[in-house]
Protein backbone atom coordinates (compact mmCIF):
# COMPACT_ATOMS: atom_id res chain seq x y z
CA MET A 1 -31.36 80.62 -13.13
CA PHE A 2 -27.64 80.07 -12.60
CA ARG A 3 -27.68 76.93 -14.80
CA ASN A 4 -29.26 78.72 -17.77
CA GLY A 5 -27.85 82.18 -17.11
CA GLN A 6 -31.29 83.76 -16.78
CA GLY A 7 -30.98 87.18 -15.15
CA VAL A 8 -27.59 86.21 -13.70
CA THR A 9 -24.21 85.17 -15.00
CA GLN A 10 -24.29 81.49 -15.89
CA ASP A 11 -22.51 79.55 -13.16
CA PHE A 12 -22.91 75.76 -12.97
CA ALA A 13 -21.07 75.50 -9.63
CA ILE A 14 -23.53 77.83 -7.91
CA ALA A 15 -26.41 76.08 -9.67
CA GLN A 16 -25.15 72.78 -8.27
CA LYS A 17 -25.29 74.11 -4.71
CA TRP A 18 -28.89 75.32 -5.08
CA PHE A 19 -30.00 72.13 -6.82
CA THR A 20 -28.37 70.02 -4.09
CA ALA A 21 -30.17 71.92 -1.35
CA ALA A 22 -33.53 71.37 -3.01
CA ALA A 23 -32.77 67.82 -4.11
CA ASP A 24 -31.87 66.80 -0.58
CA LYS A 25 -35.39 67.85 0.42
CA GLY A 26 -36.91 65.56 -2.20
CA ASN A 27 -37.57 68.05 -4.97
CA THR A 28 -37.71 65.88 -8.09
CA LEU A 29 -37.00 68.64 -10.62
CA SER A 30 -33.82 69.51 -8.74
CA GLN A 31 -32.85 65.85 -8.47
CA ILE A 32 -33.12 65.48 -12.25
CA ALA A 33 -31.28 68.75 -12.86
CA LEU A 34 -28.52 67.76 -10.44
CA GLY A 35 -28.20 64.39 -12.14
CA GLY A 36 -27.82 66.21 -15.44
CA LEU A 37 -24.94 68.31 -14.07
CA TYR A 38 -23.13 65.19 -12.88
CA GLU A 39 -23.80 63.37 -16.15
CA GLU A 40 -22.42 66.25 -18.23
CA GLY A 41 -19.70 67.33 -15.79
CA LYS A 42 -20.96 70.90 -15.46
CA GLY A 43 -20.01 72.65 -12.19
CA VAL A 44 -18.95 69.27 -10.79
CA ASN A 45 -16.63 66.45 -11.77
CA LYS A 46 -18.31 64.22 -14.34
CA ASP A 47 -19.74 61.25 -12.45
CA ALA A 48 -22.24 58.95 -14.20
CA ALA A 49 -22.86 56.90 -11.06
CA GLU A 50 -23.76 60.02 -9.07
CA ALA A 51 -26.01 61.15 -11.92
CA ALA A 52 -27.80 57.80 -11.89
CA ALA A 53 -28.27 57.99 -8.13
CA TRP A 54 -30.03 61.35 -8.40
CA TYR A 55 -32.16 60.25 -11.35
CA LEU A 56 -33.16 57.16 -9.38
CA LYS A 57 -34.36 59.25 -6.44
CA ALA A 58 -36.78 61.08 -8.74
CA ALA A 59 -37.70 57.93 -10.66
CA ILE A 60 -38.78 56.17 -7.47
CA GLN A 61 -41.21 59.05 -6.90
CA GLY A 62 -42.84 58.26 -10.25
CA VAL A 63 -41.46 61.08 -12.41
CA PRO A 64 -41.59 59.83 -16.03
CA ARG A 65 -38.55 61.77 -17.27
CA ALA A 66 -36.45 60.40 -14.42
CA GLN A 67 -37.71 56.88 -15.09
CA PHE A 68 -36.69 57.29 -18.74
CA LEU A 69 -33.23 58.51 -17.75
CA VAL A 70 -32.72 55.57 -15.38
CA GLY A 71 -33.89 53.16 -18.09
CA ARG A 72 -31.55 54.72 -20.61
CA MET A 73 -28.57 54.41 -18.24
CA TYR A 74 -29.36 50.76 -17.53
CA ASP A 75 -29.66 50.14 -21.27
CA ARG A 76 -26.30 51.73 -22.04
CA GLY A 77 -24.52 50.56 -18.91
CA ILE A 78 -23.60 54.14 -18.02
CA GLY A 79 -23.59 54.93 -14.30
CA LEU A 80 -25.36 51.62 -13.66
CA ALA A 81 -24.39 48.06 -14.50
CA GLN A 82 -25.80 47.25 -17.95
CA ASN A 83 -29.10 45.45 -17.46
CA SER A 84 -31.59 45.38 -20.32
CA SER A 85 -34.33 43.87 -18.17
CA GLU A 86 -34.04 46.70 -15.64
CA ALA A 87 -33.94 49.17 -18.52
CA ALA A 88 -37.18 47.78 -19.93
CA GLY A 89 -38.87 47.92 -16.53
CA TRP A 90 -38.06 51.59 -15.96
CA LEU A 91 -38.86 52.55 -19.54
CA ARG A 92 -42.22 50.81 -19.29
CA ARG A 93 -43.08 52.80 -16.13
CA SER A 94 -42.30 55.99 -18.01
CA ALA A 95 -43.98 54.91 -21.25
CA VAL A 96 -47.35 54.20 -19.61
CA GLN A 97 -47.30 57.84 -18.52
CA ASP A 98 -47.03 58.75 -22.22
CA TYR A 99 -43.41 59.90 -22.03
CA THR A 100 -42.38 59.94 -25.70
CA ASP A 101 -38.64 59.25 -25.37
CA ALA A 102 -39.35 56.22 -23.18
CA GLN A 103 -41.91 54.86 -25.62
CA TYR A 104 -39.41 55.11 -28.47
CA LEU A 105 -36.52 53.48 -26.58
CA LEU A 106 -38.84 50.74 -25.27
CA GLY A 107 -39.88 50.13 -28.89
CA ASN A 108 -36.22 49.65 -29.74
CA LEU A 109 -35.88 47.03 -27.00
CA TYR A 110 -38.92 45.10 -28.25
CA TYR A 111 -37.64 45.33 -31.82
CA ARG A 112 -34.28 43.84 -30.91
CA GLY A 113 -35.49 41.51 -28.15
CA ARG A 114 -33.20 43.14 -25.61
CA GLY A 115 -34.41 42.84 -22.01
CA VAL A 116 -37.82 41.68 -23.27
CA PRO A 117 -38.92 38.92 -25.65
CA GLN A 118 -38.61 40.12 -29.24
CA ASP A 119 -42.05 41.36 -30.24
CA TYR A 120 -42.43 43.21 -33.55
CA ARG A 121 -46.12 43.92 -32.91
CA GLU A 122 -45.36 45.66 -29.64
CA ALA A 123 -42.45 47.53 -31.21
CA ALA A 124 -44.66 48.69 -34.09
CA ALA A 125 -47.38 49.84 -31.68
CA LEU A 126 -44.89 51.89 -29.69
CA TYR A 127 -43.26 53.35 -32.80
CA ARG A 128 -46.68 54.27 -34.20
CA ASN A 129 -47.63 56.09 -31.02
CA VAL A 130 -44.41 58.09 -31.17
CA ALA A 131 -44.58 58.57 -34.95
CA ASP A 132 -48.08 60.02 -34.62
CA LYS A 133 -46.57 62.64 -32.33
CA GLY A 134 -44.29 63.66 -35.19
CA VAL A 135 -40.97 62.15 -34.07
CA PRO A 136 -39.00 61.56 -37.30
CA ALA A 137 -36.87 58.64 -36.03
CA ALA A 138 -40.02 56.73 -35.07
CA GLN A 139 -41.60 57.56 -38.44
CA ARG A 140 -38.53 56.13 -40.16
CA ASP A 141 -38.56 53.00 -38.00
CA LEU A 142 -42.29 52.43 -38.57
CA GLY A 143 -41.58 52.76 -42.30
CA ILE A 144 -38.93 50.05 -42.02
CA MET A 145 -41.40 47.73 -40.32
CA TYR A 146 -43.95 48.29 -43.10
CA GLU A 147 -41.30 47.71 -45.76
CA LEU A 148 -40.22 44.44 -44.16
CA GLY A 149 -43.62 43.33 -42.86
CA GLN A 150 -42.46 43.18 -39.25
CA GLY A 151 -45.33 43.38 -36.77
CA VAL A 152 -47.56 44.95 -39.43
CA ALA A 153 -48.89 43.89 -42.81
CA LYS A 154 -46.14 44.42 -45.38
CA SER A 155 -46.88 47.57 -47.38
CA ASP A 156 -44.40 49.53 -49.47
CA GLU A 157 -47.02 52.28 -49.81
CA GLU A 158 -47.17 52.70 -46.03
CA ALA A 159 -43.40 52.55 -45.85
CA ALA A 160 -43.12 55.35 -48.41
CA LYS A 161 -45.67 57.43 -46.49
CA TRP A 162 -43.74 57.20 -43.23
CA TYR A 163 -40.33 57.68 -44.87
CA ARG A 164 -41.68 60.84 -46.50
CA LYS A 165 -42.91 62.18 -43.15
CA ALA A 166 -39.43 61.61 -41.68
CA ALA A 167 -37.71 63.04 -44.76
CA ASP A 168 -39.89 66.15 -44.67
CA GLN A 169 -38.54 66.75 -41.16
CA ASP A 170 -34.97 66.55 -42.52
CA LEU A 171 -34.16 63.06 -41.21
CA THR A 172 -31.52 62.09 -43.75
CA ASN A 173 -31.97 58.35 -43.34
CA GLY A 174 -35.64 58.83 -44.18
CA MET A 175 -34.55 60.64 -47.34
CA VAL A 176 -32.23 57.81 -48.35
CA ARG A 177 -34.87 55.15 -47.73
CA LEU A 178 -37.49 57.08 -49.68
CA GLY A 179 -35.00 57.49 -52.51
CA MET A 180 -34.39 53.75 -52.55
CA LEU A 181 -38.13 53.11 -52.93
CA TYR A 182 -38.25 55.48 -55.91
CA GLN A 183 -35.18 53.78 -57.32
CA ARG A 184 -36.86 50.36 -57.13
CA GLY A 185 -40.43 51.46 -57.88
CA ARG A 186 -41.77 50.02 -54.64
CA GLY A 187 -44.74 51.76 -53.05
CA VAL A 188 -44.19 54.69 -55.42
CA PRO A 189 -43.76 54.92 -59.21
CA LYS A 190 -40.23 54.08 -60.30
CA ASP A 191 -38.50 57.41 -60.73
CA PHE A 192 -34.72 57.76 -60.87
CA ASP A 193 -35.02 61.56 -60.89
CA LEU A 194 -36.83 61.59 -57.56
CA ALA A 195 -34.47 58.97 -56.17
CA LEU A 196 -31.56 61.21 -57.15
CA HIS A 197 -33.32 64.21 -55.55
CA TRP A 198 -33.57 62.50 -52.18
CA PHE A 199 -30.07 61.02 -52.33
CA LYS A 200 -28.66 64.44 -53.19
CA LYS A 201 -30.60 66.15 -50.42
CA ALA A 202 -29.32 63.61 -47.87
CA ALA A 203 -25.78 63.92 -49.26
CA GLU A 204 -25.85 67.71 -49.02
CA ALA A 205 -26.83 67.35 -45.37
CA GLY A 206 -23.70 65.26 -44.81
CA ASP A 207 -25.33 61.81 -44.71
CA GLU A 208 -22.69 59.26 -45.72
CA ASP A 209 -25.20 56.71 -46.97
CA GLY A 210 -26.82 59.44 -49.06
CA GLN A 211 -23.43 60.33 -50.53
CA ASN A 212 -22.76 56.66 -51.25
CA LYS A 213 -26.15 56.24 -52.96
CA LEU A 214 -25.64 59.46 -54.94
CA ALA A 215 -22.25 58.18 -56.09
CA LEU A 216 -23.85 54.94 -57.29
CA SER A 217 -26.46 56.96 -59.21
CA TYR A 218 -23.67 58.72 -61.09
CA TYR A 219 -21.84 55.42 -61.52
CA ARG A 220 -24.89 53.75 -63.11
CA GLY A 221 -26.32 56.81 -64.85
CA GLU A 222 -29.63 56.61 -62.97
CA GLY A 223 -31.48 59.95 -62.92
CA VAL A 224 -28.36 61.69 -64.14
CA LYS A 225 -25.88 61.37 -66.99
CA GLN A 226 -23.39 58.61 -66.22
CA ASP A 227 -20.27 60.21 -64.77
CA PHE A 228 -17.61 57.86 -63.42
CA ALA A 229 -15.35 60.73 -62.36
CA GLU A 230 -18.06 62.28 -60.15
CA ALA A 231 -19.01 58.85 -58.80
CA ILE A 232 -15.42 58.13 -57.80
CA ARG A 233 -15.02 61.61 -56.26
CA LEU A 234 -18.06 61.04 -54.07
CA LEU A 235 -17.10 57.46 -53.19
CA ARG A 236 -13.56 58.43 -52.28
CA ALA A 237 -14.68 61.34 -50.10
CA THR A 238 -17.12 59.11 -48.24
CA ALA A 239 -14.73 56.15 -48.06
CA ASP A 240 -11.99 58.38 -46.64
CA ARG A 241 -14.34 59.21 -43.77
CA GLY A 242 -14.63 55.50 -42.98
CA PHE A 243 -18.05 54.62 -44.44
CA ALA A 244 -17.84 50.88 -45.12
CA ASP A 245 -20.33 50.68 -48.01
CA ALA A 246 -18.44 53.37 -49.91
CA GLN A 247 -15.12 51.63 -49.21
CA ASN A 248 -16.51 48.39 -50.62
CA ASN A 249 -17.94 50.15 -53.67
CA LEU A 250 -14.66 51.94 -54.29
CA GLY A 251 -12.91 48.57 -54.09
CA LEU A 252 -15.30 47.23 -56.74
CA ALA A 253 -14.56 50.24 -58.98
CA PHE A 254 -10.83 49.50 -58.81
CA PHE A 255 -11.44 45.82 -59.58
CA GLN A 256 -13.66 46.71 -62.56
CA GLY A 257 -11.48 49.59 -63.76
CA GLN A 258 -14.41 51.98 -64.18
CA GLY A 259 -13.68 55.60 -63.31
CA VAL A 260 -10.21 54.60 -62.14
CA PRO A 261 -7.41 52.56 -63.70
CA GLN A 262 -7.93 48.87 -62.90
CA ASP A 263 -5.87 48.12 -59.81
CA PHE A 264 -6.50 44.88 -57.90
CA ASP A 265 -4.06 45.83 -55.14
CA GLU A 266 -5.86 49.10 -54.42
CA GLY A 267 -9.24 47.40 -54.70
CA ALA A 268 -8.25 44.75 -52.18
CA ARG A 269 -7.01 47.44 -49.79
CA TRP A 270 -10.45 49.11 -49.87
CA PHE A 271 -12.19 45.76 -49.41
CA ARG A 272 -10.07 45.16 -46.32
CA ARG A 273 -10.91 48.55 -44.80
CA ALA A 274 -14.61 47.81 -45.13
CA ALA A 275 -14.22 44.16 -44.12
CA ASP A 276 -12.42 45.15 -40.93
CA GLN A 277 -15.54 47.14 -40.00
CA GLY A 278 -17.69 44.02 -40.35
CA ASP A 279 -19.19 44.79 -43.78
CA SER A 280 -20.36 41.37 -44.99
CA GLU A 281 -20.25 42.16 -48.71
CA ALA A 282 -16.69 43.47 -48.44
CA GLN A 283 -15.69 40.40 -46.42
CA ASN A 284 -17.04 38.17 -49.17
CA ASN A 285 -15.22 40.25 -51.82
CA LEU A 286 -11.97 40.03 -49.85
CA GLY A 287 -12.48 36.27 -49.60
CA LEU A 288 -12.82 36.12 -53.39
CA ALA A 289 -9.66 38.19 -53.75
CA TYR A 290 -7.74 35.65 -51.64
CA TYR A 291 -9.37 32.72 -53.45
CA TYR A 292 -8.24 33.96 -56.87
CA GLY A 293 -5.08 35.74 -55.73
CA SER A 294 -6.29 39.12 -57.03
CA GLY A 295 -4.60 42.03 -55.30
CA VAL A 296 -3.45 39.74 -52.49
CA PRO A 297 -1.44 36.50 -52.47
CA LYS A 298 -3.61 33.47 -53.21
CA ASP A 299 -4.45 32.00 -49.81
CA MET A 300 -7.20 29.43 -49.31
CA ILE A 301 -7.10 29.73 -45.52
CA GLN A 302 -7.62 33.49 -45.65
CA ALA A 303 -10.39 32.99 -48.22
CA PHE A 304 -12.12 30.49 -45.91
CA MET A 305 -11.80 32.84 -42.94
CA TRP A 306 -13.25 35.85 -44.77
CA PHE A 307 -16.11 33.86 -46.31
CA ASN A 308 -16.97 32.55 -42.85
CA ARG A 309 -16.86 36.07 -41.37
CA SER A 310 -19.08 37.31 -44.20
CA ALA A 311 -21.70 34.62 -43.56
CA THR A 312 -21.74 35.50 -39.85
CA SER A 313 -21.81 39.28 -40.40
CA ALA A 314 -24.69 39.05 -42.86
CA MET A 315 -26.96 37.55 -40.22
CA ALA A 316 -26.04 40.28 -37.74
CA ARG A 317 -27.99 42.78 -39.85
CA ALA A 318 -30.84 44.16 -37.78
CA GLU A 319 -33.35 44.67 -40.56
CA ASP A 320 -33.96 42.75 -43.79
CA ARG A 321 -33.66 39.09 -42.82
CA GLU A 322 -34.50 37.85 -46.30
CA ALA A 323 -31.68 39.88 -47.86
CA ALA A 324 -29.35 38.85 -45.03
CA ILE A 325 -30.06 35.15 -45.65
CA LYS A 326 -29.27 35.54 -49.36
CA GLU A 327 -26.02 37.31 -48.53
CA ARG A 328 -25.13 34.66 -45.96
CA ASP A 329 -25.86 31.84 -48.40
CA VAL A 330 -23.58 33.36 -51.05
CA ALA A 331 -20.70 33.57 -48.58
CA ALA A 332 -21.41 30.12 -47.15
CA ASN A 333 -21.43 28.62 -50.65
CA ASN A 334 -18.09 30.30 -51.39
CA ARG A 335 -16.72 28.88 -48.14
CA GLU A 336 -17.80 25.35 -49.08
CA ILE A 337 -16.29 25.69 -52.58
CA THR A 338 -13.05 26.83 -50.99
CA MET A 339 -12.99 23.79 -48.72
CA ARG A 340 -13.37 21.48 -51.73
CA HIS A 341 -10.18 22.93 -53.20
CA MET A 342 -8.10 22.70 -50.02
CA SER A 343 -5.33 20.24 -49.33
CA PRO A 344 -5.69 18.07 -46.19
CA GLU A 345 -3.21 20.34 -44.43
CA GLN A 346 -5.20 23.44 -45.37
CA LEU A 347 -8.43 21.82 -44.24
CA ALA A 348 -6.87 21.07 -40.86
CA GLN A 349 -5.80 24.72 -40.52
CA ALA A 350 -9.27 25.94 -41.50
CA ILE A 351 -10.98 23.70 -38.95
CA ALA A 352 -8.48 24.76 -36.28
CA TRP A 353 -9.31 28.42 -36.93
CA LEU A 354 -13.05 27.69 -36.91
CA THR A 355 -12.65 25.85 -33.61
CA GLN A 356 -10.93 28.90 -32.10
CA GLU A 357 -13.85 31.08 -33.19
CA ALA A 358 -16.35 28.61 -31.73
CA GLU A 359 -14.46 28.45 -28.46
CA LYS A 360 -14.73 32.24 -28.21
CA GLY A 361 -18.51 31.92 -28.44
CA ASP A 362 -19.23 32.34 -32.17
CA THR A 363 -22.52 30.47 -32.53
CA ASP A 364 -22.26 30.17 -36.33
CA ALA A 365 -18.81 28.60 -35.97
CA MET A 366 -20.30 26.20 -33.41
CA PHE A 367 -23.06 25.22 -35.83
CA ASN A 368 -20.65 24.68 -38.72
CA LEU A 369 -18.35 22.56 -36.57
CA GLY A 370 -21.37 20.45 -35.66
CA LEU A 371 -22.01 19.89 -39.37
CA TYR A 372 -18.39 19.08 -40.16
CA TYR A 373 -18.08 16.56 -37.31
CA TYR A 374 -21.42 15.01 -38.27
CA LEU A 375 -20.38 14.66 -41.92
CA GLY A 376 -16.71 13.97 -41.29
CA LYS A 377 -15.81 16.96 -43.47
CA GLY A 378 -12.26 18.12 -42.85
CA VAL A 379 -12.25 16.18 -39.57
CA ALA A 380 -12.74 12.60 -38.46
CA GLN A 381 -16.45 11.92 -38.07
CA ASP A 382 -17.36 12.30 -34.39
CA ARG A 383 -21.00 12.17 -33.30
CA VAL A 384 -20.28 13.27 -29.74
CA LYS A 385 -18.49 16.42 -30.90
CA ALA A 386 -21.23 17.08 -33.44
CA TYR A 387 -23.82 16.78 -30.65
CA VAL A 388 -21.82 19.13 -28.40
CA TRP A 389 -21.36 21.86 -31.00
CA PHE A 390 -24.98 21.74 -32.13
CA SER A 391 -26.07 21.88 -28.48
CA LEU A 392 -23.86 24.86 -27.73
CA SER A 393 -25.03 26.68 -30.85
CA ALA A 394 -28.65 26.10 -29.83
CA THR A 395 -28.00 27.20 -26.25
CA HIS A 396 -26.27 30.46 -27.15
CA ARG A 397 -28.32 31.53 -30.16
CA PRO A 398 -31.35 33.78 -29.61
CA VAL A 399 -34.80 32.30 -30.03
CA GLY A 400 -35.62 31.96 -33.71
CA GLU A 401 -35.15 29.89 -36.85
CA ASP A 402 -31.38 29.54 -36.48
CA ARG A 403 -31.71 28.23 -32.95
CA ASP A 404 -34.46 25.82 -34.02
CA LEU A 405 -32.23 24.46 -36.79
CA ALA A 406 -29.41 23.81 -34.31
CA VAL A 407 -31.84 21.97 -32.02
CA LYS A 408 -33.16 19.95 -34.95
CA ASN A 409 -29.64 18.91 -35.99
CA ARG A 410 -28.68 18.02 -32.42
CA ASP A 411 -31.76 15.83 -32.11
CA LEU A 412 -31.00 14.24 -35.48
CA VAL A 413 -27.49 13.32 -34.37
CA SER A 414 -28.82 11.88 -31.12
CA THR A 415 -30.89 9.31 -33.06
CA ILE A 416 -27.68 7.58 -34.18
CA MET A 417 -25.86 7.83 -30.85
CA THR A 418 -25.71 5.35 -28.00
CA PRO A 419 -27.03 6.37 -24.57
CA ASP A 420 -23.43 6.60 -23.33
CA GLN A 421 -22.49 8.89 -26.20
CA ILE A 422 -25.48 11.16 -25.51
CA ALA A 423 -24.57 11.30 -21.81
CA GLU A 424 -20.98 12.23 -22.72
CA GLY A 425 -22.20 14.90 -25.14
CA GLN A 426 -24.43 16.39 -22.46
CA ARG A 427 -21.57 16.33 -19.95
CA GLN A 428 -19.22 18.16 -22.34
CA THR A 429 -21.92 20.70 -23.17
CA ARG A 430 -22.49 21.49 -19.48
CA ALA A 431 -18.76 21.76 -18.83
CA TRP A 432 -18.04 24.08 -21.79
CA ARG A 433 -16.85 27.60 -21.06
CA PRO A 434 -15.86 30.23 -23.64
CA LYS A 435 -12.16 30.97 -23.99
CA ARG A 436 -11.00 34.55 -23.85
CA SER A 437 -9.44 36.03 -26.97
């Protein structure tokens, strides 16, 4: 009553006293409520650890909401030391009792392979269960899995169906994704007017990706009369709020001189803003700017660095692996072209920078160093170092194709090494520790 102000003046401090009295006697509802006060800092000093302690008391008694809350805190590392395995365990206990929030978050863990082996089938099953209950985020995520063929048979029609369900519940990302299907004619008839409708609806709700997509519709004249001025207005408004895709697109507009006077300096500045946020396309564009000296001083080392960052960032994308691989390969090809036009001194600087990144734990940098030492590219050929860097890349990459490729290359190098060289490579691999930035 005092917490919600029902029949009495709302007073969290008094509510805390009553909840504590009941919680100390084992009342699980009060334990959860008391944890909530500590988590939000209402009537008490905000204390995530104290909140977790009260949630845990109820969770141990089998209360699904409390088990979800404990799992969530383990997942986020709030109030409890971050531990994805513990998070998965508590979420699973809650999920088997049909607690919707736990099922959804557990699906996220299976999708990303965090705390559990990555399992798209299990993720899809959990998302479907939650989506069938009408939860729009799960409907959107199930749509993504159908669009990409992850854990389910690839079906753009099914993707469109689930995106529409999410969009009809005002989930703006569902609107944007449905609009993109109409734009491409995948799973639905190609229809720029309907694509524009959904982009505009998402944009009007304040969705930055929707505003970015709407701007591109005006820029290209898709579903609406081409209007560079309106496109730039929308891009600038979204870019000013820090949305990386819009910043990159605004940079492209300045480079192309469409809707704005051509200005390489301004374009490069927008590329950098997006690149600094980890946007792989912007990083590649900034690399090109340095390679050609457009809007920034020509600098082959900077070009190499940004192409390398772009290749790494592309593979960090959580969704479309096929698109990510294409994006990575473009940046990697640009990086290799840059290396062919470097002086020996520049090559040495590039390899030194790459080594620093590898020593910090960048697994892509490790893999590339393995290649360069194996081929003698930019460095003296060294099979032991190639073996070490391939080994480290394999050890620290998650299970998957990239890890398998690192293992394959390590094993290939070992076929041309002496037993003593292999032993030395294994010793160096065991002794390696990442260096702090």
